[in-house]
Amino acid sequence: MAIRAILSLLEDDQSRLWAGTYEDGLYMIDLKSNQVQSYRKGGAMSELLVDDIRVIHQIDNGDPHRYQLWWSVLV
């Protein structure tokens, strides 16, 4: 995993660490299993429009089993 720069980090309620990067997309690291999933522009499991993820924010909707992640990008 050769990442140029990490711009934002967020640990969610399910012990996953999300990393927004400079031109390398979004990464999810499961802190329980140590598995890493990457999300890149044009990837099979991704709807990212760009690979430059500046800010990651978790929105709590009151349900402990569901929440939303939002991220901001530079276009």
N, C-alpha and C. Protein backbone atom coordinates (compact mmCIF):
# COMPACT_ATOMS: atom_id res chain seq x y z
N MET A 1 0.86 -1.17 0.00
CA MET A 1 0.00 0.00 0.00
C MET A 1 0.90 1.23 0.00
N ALA A 2 1.12 1.81 -1.15
CA ALA A 2 1.95 3.01 -1.28
C ALA A 2 1.06 4.23 -1.38
N ILE A 3 0.86 4.89 -0.26
CA ILE A 3 -0.02 6.07 -0.20
C ILE A 3 0.85 7.32 -0.13
N ARG A 4 0.56 8.28 -0.98
CA ARG A 4 1.34 9.52 -1.02
C ARG A 4 1.16 10.34 0.25
N ALA A 5 -0.11 10.58 0.64
CA ALA A 5 -0.37 11.38 1.83
C ALA A 5 -1.77 11.07 2.34
N ILE A 6 -1.89 10.91 3.67
CA ILE A 6 -3.19 10.74 4.30
C ILE A 6 -3.67 12.11 4.74
N LEU A 7 -4.86 12.49 4.27
CA LEU A 7 -5.41 13.82 4.56
C LEU A 7 -6.42 13.81 5.69
N SER A 8 -7.08 12.66 5.93
CA SER A 8 -8.08 12.60 6.99
C SER A 8 -8.19 11.18 7.50
N LEU A 9 -8.52 11.06 8.80
CA LEU A 9 -8.72 9.77 9.45
C LEU A 9 -9.99 9.80 10.28
N LEU A 10 -10.70 8.68 10.30
CA LEU A 10 -11.89 8.56 11.14
C LEU A 10 -12.02 7.11 11.58
N GLU A 11 -12.17 6.89 12.89
CA GLU A 11 -12.51 5.56 13.38
C GLU A 11 -14.01 5.53 13.62
N ASP A 12 -14.69 4.58 12.96
CA ASP A 12 -16.15 4.52 13.09
C ASP A 12 -16.56 3.65 14.27
N ASP A 13 -17.87 3.49 14.46
CA ASP A 13 -18.41 2.76 15.60
C ASP A 13 -18.21 1.26 15.50
N GLN A 14 -17.74 0.77 14.37
CA GLN A 14 -17.53 -0.67 14.17
C GLN A 14 -16.04 -1.02 14.15
N SER A 15 -15.23 -0.18 14.78
CA SER A 15 -13.77 -0.38 14.87
C SER A 15 -13.11 -0.50 13.50
N ARG A 16 -13.54 0.36 12.60
CA ARG A 16 -12.91 0.46 11.29
C ARG A 16 -12.29 1.83 11.18
N LEU A 17 -11.08 1.87 10.66
CA LEU A 17 -10.38 3.13 10.46
C LEU A 17 -10.48 3.49 8.98
N TRP A 18 -11.01 4.68 8.70
CA TRP A 18 -11.15 5.18 7.33
C TRP A 18 -10.07 6.21 7.10
N ALA A 19 -9.37 6.10 5.98
CA ALA A 19 -8.30 7.03 5.65
C ALA A 19 -8.57 7.65 4.29
N GLY A 20 -8.70 8.97 4.27
CA GLY A 20 -8.84 9.71 3.03
C GLY A 20 -7.46 10.15 2.59
N THR A 21 -7.16 9.96 1.32
CA THR A 21 -5.80 10.21 0.86
C THR A 21 -5.74 11.26 -0.25
N TYR A 22 -4.53 11.71 -0.50
CA TYR A 22 -4.25 12.61 -1.62
C TYR A 22 -4.02 11.77 -2.86
N GLU A 23 -5.00 11.76 -3.75
CA GLU A 23 -4.96 11.09 -5.06
C GLU A 23 -4.81 9.57 -5.00
N ASP A 24 -5.08 8.95 -3.84
CA ASP A 24 -5.02 7.49 -3.73
C ASP A 24 -6.32 6.90 -3.21
N GLY A 25 -7.39 7.68 -3.19
CA GLY A 25 -8.70 7.17 -2.83
C GLY A 25 -8.96 7.08 -1.34
N LEU A 26 -9.87 6.19 -1.00
CA LEU A 26 -10.34 6.00 0.37
C LEU A 26 -9.99 4.58 0.80
N TYR A 27 -9.46 4.45 2.01
CA TYR A 27 -9.10 3.14 2.55
C TYR A 27 -9.88 2.87 3.81
N MET A 28 -10.29 1.61 3.98
CA MET A 28 -10.96 1.16 5.19
C MET A 28 -10.12 0.04 5.79
N ILE A 29 -9.68 0.24 7.03
CA ILE A 29 -8.89 -0.77 7.72
C ILE A 29 -9.75 -1.30 8.87
N ASP A 30 -10.06 -2.59 8.83
CA ASP A 30 -10.82 -3.23 9.91
C ASP A 30 -9.84 -3.50 11.04
N LEU A 31 -10.00 -2.80 12.15
CA LEU A 31 -9.04 -2.90 13.25
C LEU A 31 -9.17 -4.22 14.00
N LYS A 32 -10.26 -4.95 13.82
CA LYS A 32 -10.43 -6.26 14.46
C LYS A 32 -9.74 -7.36 13.67
N SER A 33 -9.86 -7.31 12.35
CA SER A 33 -9.30 -8.38 11.50
C SER A 33 -8.02 -7.96 10.77
N ASN A 34 -7.68 -6.67 10.83
CA ASN A 34 -6.52 -6.11 10.12
C ASN A 34 -6.64 -6.22 8.60
N GLN A 35 -7.84 -6.37 8.09
CA GLN A 35 -8.05 -6.40 6.64
C GLN A 35 -8.19 -4.97 6.13
N VAL A 36 -7.69 -4.75 4.92
CA VAL A 36 -7.72 -3.43 4.30
C VAL A 36 -8.51 -3.51 3.00
N GLN A 37 -9.41 -2.54 2.81
CA GLN A 37 -10.18 -2.43 1.57
C GLN A 37 -9.93 -1.04 1.00
N SER A 38 -9.62 -0.96 -0.28
CA SER A 38 -9.42 0.35 -0.90
C SER A 38 -10.57 0.67 -1.84
N TYR A 39 -10.89 1.93 -1.93
CA TYR A 39 -11.93 2.44 -2.82
C TYR A 39 -11.30 3.52 -3.67
N ARG A 40 -11.29 3.29 -4.98
CA ARG A 40 -10.66 4.22 -5.91
C ARG A 40 -11.66 4.62 -6.99
N LYS A 41 -11.42 5.75 -7.59
CA LYS A 41 -12.23 6.21 -8.71
C LYS A 41 -12.25 5.13 -9.80
N GLY A 42 -13.46 4.75 -10.21
CA GLY A 42 -13.61 3.75 -11.27
C GLY A 42 -13.45 2.32 -10.80
N GLY A 43 -13.27 2.10 -9.49
CA GLY A 43 -13.12 0.75 -8.97
C GLY A 43 -14.44 0.00 -8.94
N ALA A 44 -14.37 -1.32 -8.89
CA ALA A 44 -15.56 -2.16 -8.93
C ALA A 44 -16.48 -1.94 -7.73
N MET A 45 -15.91 -1.65 -6.55
CA MET A 45 -16.72 -1.48 -5.34
C MET A 45 -16.82 -0.01 -4.93
N SER A 46 -16.63 0.88 -5.86
CA SER A 46 -16.53 2.28 -5.51
C SER A 46 -17.40 3.16 -6.39
N GLU A 47 -17.94 4.19 -5.78
CA GLU A 47 -18.66 5.22 -6.52
C GLU A 47 -17.94 6.56 -6.41
N LEU A 48 -16.67 6.52 -6.08
CA LEU A 48 -15.91 7.76 -5.95
C LEU A 48 -15.75 8.43 -7.31
N LEU A 49 -15.92 9.72 -7.32
CA LEU A 49 -15.72 10.49 -8.55
C LEU A 49 -14.29 10.97 -8.70
N VAL A 50 -13.61 11.10 -7.58
CA VAL A 50 -12.19 11.50 -7.56
C VAL A 50 -11.48 10.70 -6.48
N ASP A 51 -10.15 10.68 -6.52
CA ASP A 51 -9.36 9.94 -5.53
C ASP A 51 -8.73 10.83 -4.48
N ASP A 52 -9.14 12.08 -4.40
CA ASP A 52 -8.59 13.06 -3.45
C ASP A 52 -9.63 13.29 -2.35
N ILE A 53 -9.53 12.56 -1.24
CA ILE A 53 -10.52 12.60 -0.15
C ILE A 53 -9.97 13.50 0.96
N ARG A 54 -10.58 14.67 1.13
CA ARG A 54 -10.07 15.67 2.07
C ARG A 54 -10.58 15.50 3.50
N VAL A 55 -11.87 15.21 3.68
CA VAL A 55 -12.48 15.14 5.01
C VAL A 55 -13.44 13.95 5.06
N ILE A 56 -13.43 13.23 6.18
CA ILE A 56 -14.38 12.14 6.39
C ILE A 56 -15.17 12.48 7.65
N HIS A 57 -16.48 12.31 7.59
CA HIS A 57 -17.34 12.65 8.72
C HIS A 57 -18.40 11.58 8.89
N GLN A 58 -18.62 11.15 10.12
CA GLN A 58 -19.66 10.16 10.41
C GLN A 58 -20.88 10.87 10.97
N ILE A 59 -22.05 10.54 10.41
CA ILE A 59 -23.31 11.12 10.88
C ILE A 59 -24.07 10.04 11.63
N ASP A 60 -24.38 10.31 12.88
CA ASP A 60 -25.13 9.39 13.73
C ASP A 60 -26.61 9.70 13.58
N ASN A 61 -27.37 8.71 13.13
CA ASN A 61 -28.81 8.93 12.95
C ASN A 61 -29.64 8.37 14.09
N GLY A 62 -28.99 7.99 15.21
CA GLY A 62 -29.72 7.50 16.37
C GLY A 62 -29.83 5.98 16.44
N ASP A 63 -29.58 5.29 15.36
CA ASP A 63 -29.62 3.83 15.32
C ASP A 63 -28.19 3.33 15.48
N PRO A 64 -27.88 2.56 16.55
CA PRO A 64 -26.49 2.13 16.76
C PRO A 64 -25.97 1.17 15.71
N HIS A 65 -26.83 0.63 14.87
CA HIS A 65 -26.42 -0.32 13.84
C HIS A 65 -26.33 0.31 12.45
N ARG A 66 -26.74 1.57 12.34
CA ARG A 66 -26.69 2.25 11.04
C ARG A 66 -26.20 3.67 11.20
N TYR A 67 -25.36 4.08 10.32
CA TYR A 67 -24.88 5.45 10.30
C TYR A 67 -24.43 5.74 8.87
N GLN A 68 -24.11 6.98 8.62
CA GLN A 68 -23.65 7.38 7.30
C GLN A 68 -22.26 7.98 7.40
N LEU A 69 -21.46 7.69 6.40
CA LEU A 69 -20.16 8.35 6.26
C LEU A 69 -20.27 9.33 5.10
N TRP A 70 -19.75 10.52 5.31
CA TRP A 70 -19.69 11.53 4.26
C TRP A 70 -18.24 11.92 4.10
N TRP A 71 -17.85 12.23 2.89
CA TRP A 71 -16.50 12.73 2.67
C TRP A 71 -16.55 13.88 1.69
N SER A 72 -15.59 14.76 1.83
CA SER A 72 -15.49 15.88 0.90
C SER A 72 -14.27 15.67 0.02
N VAL A 73 -14.40 16.19 -1.18
CA VAL A 73 -13.34 15.99 -2.18
C VAL A 73 -12.97 17.34 -2.78
N LEU A 74 -11.83 17.35 -3.43
CA LEU A 74 -11.39 18.52 -4.18
C LEU A 74 -11.47 18.17 -5.65
N VAL A 75 -12.27 18.91 -6.38
CA VAL A 75 -12.46 18.63 -7.81
C VAL A 75 -11.70 19.63 -8.63
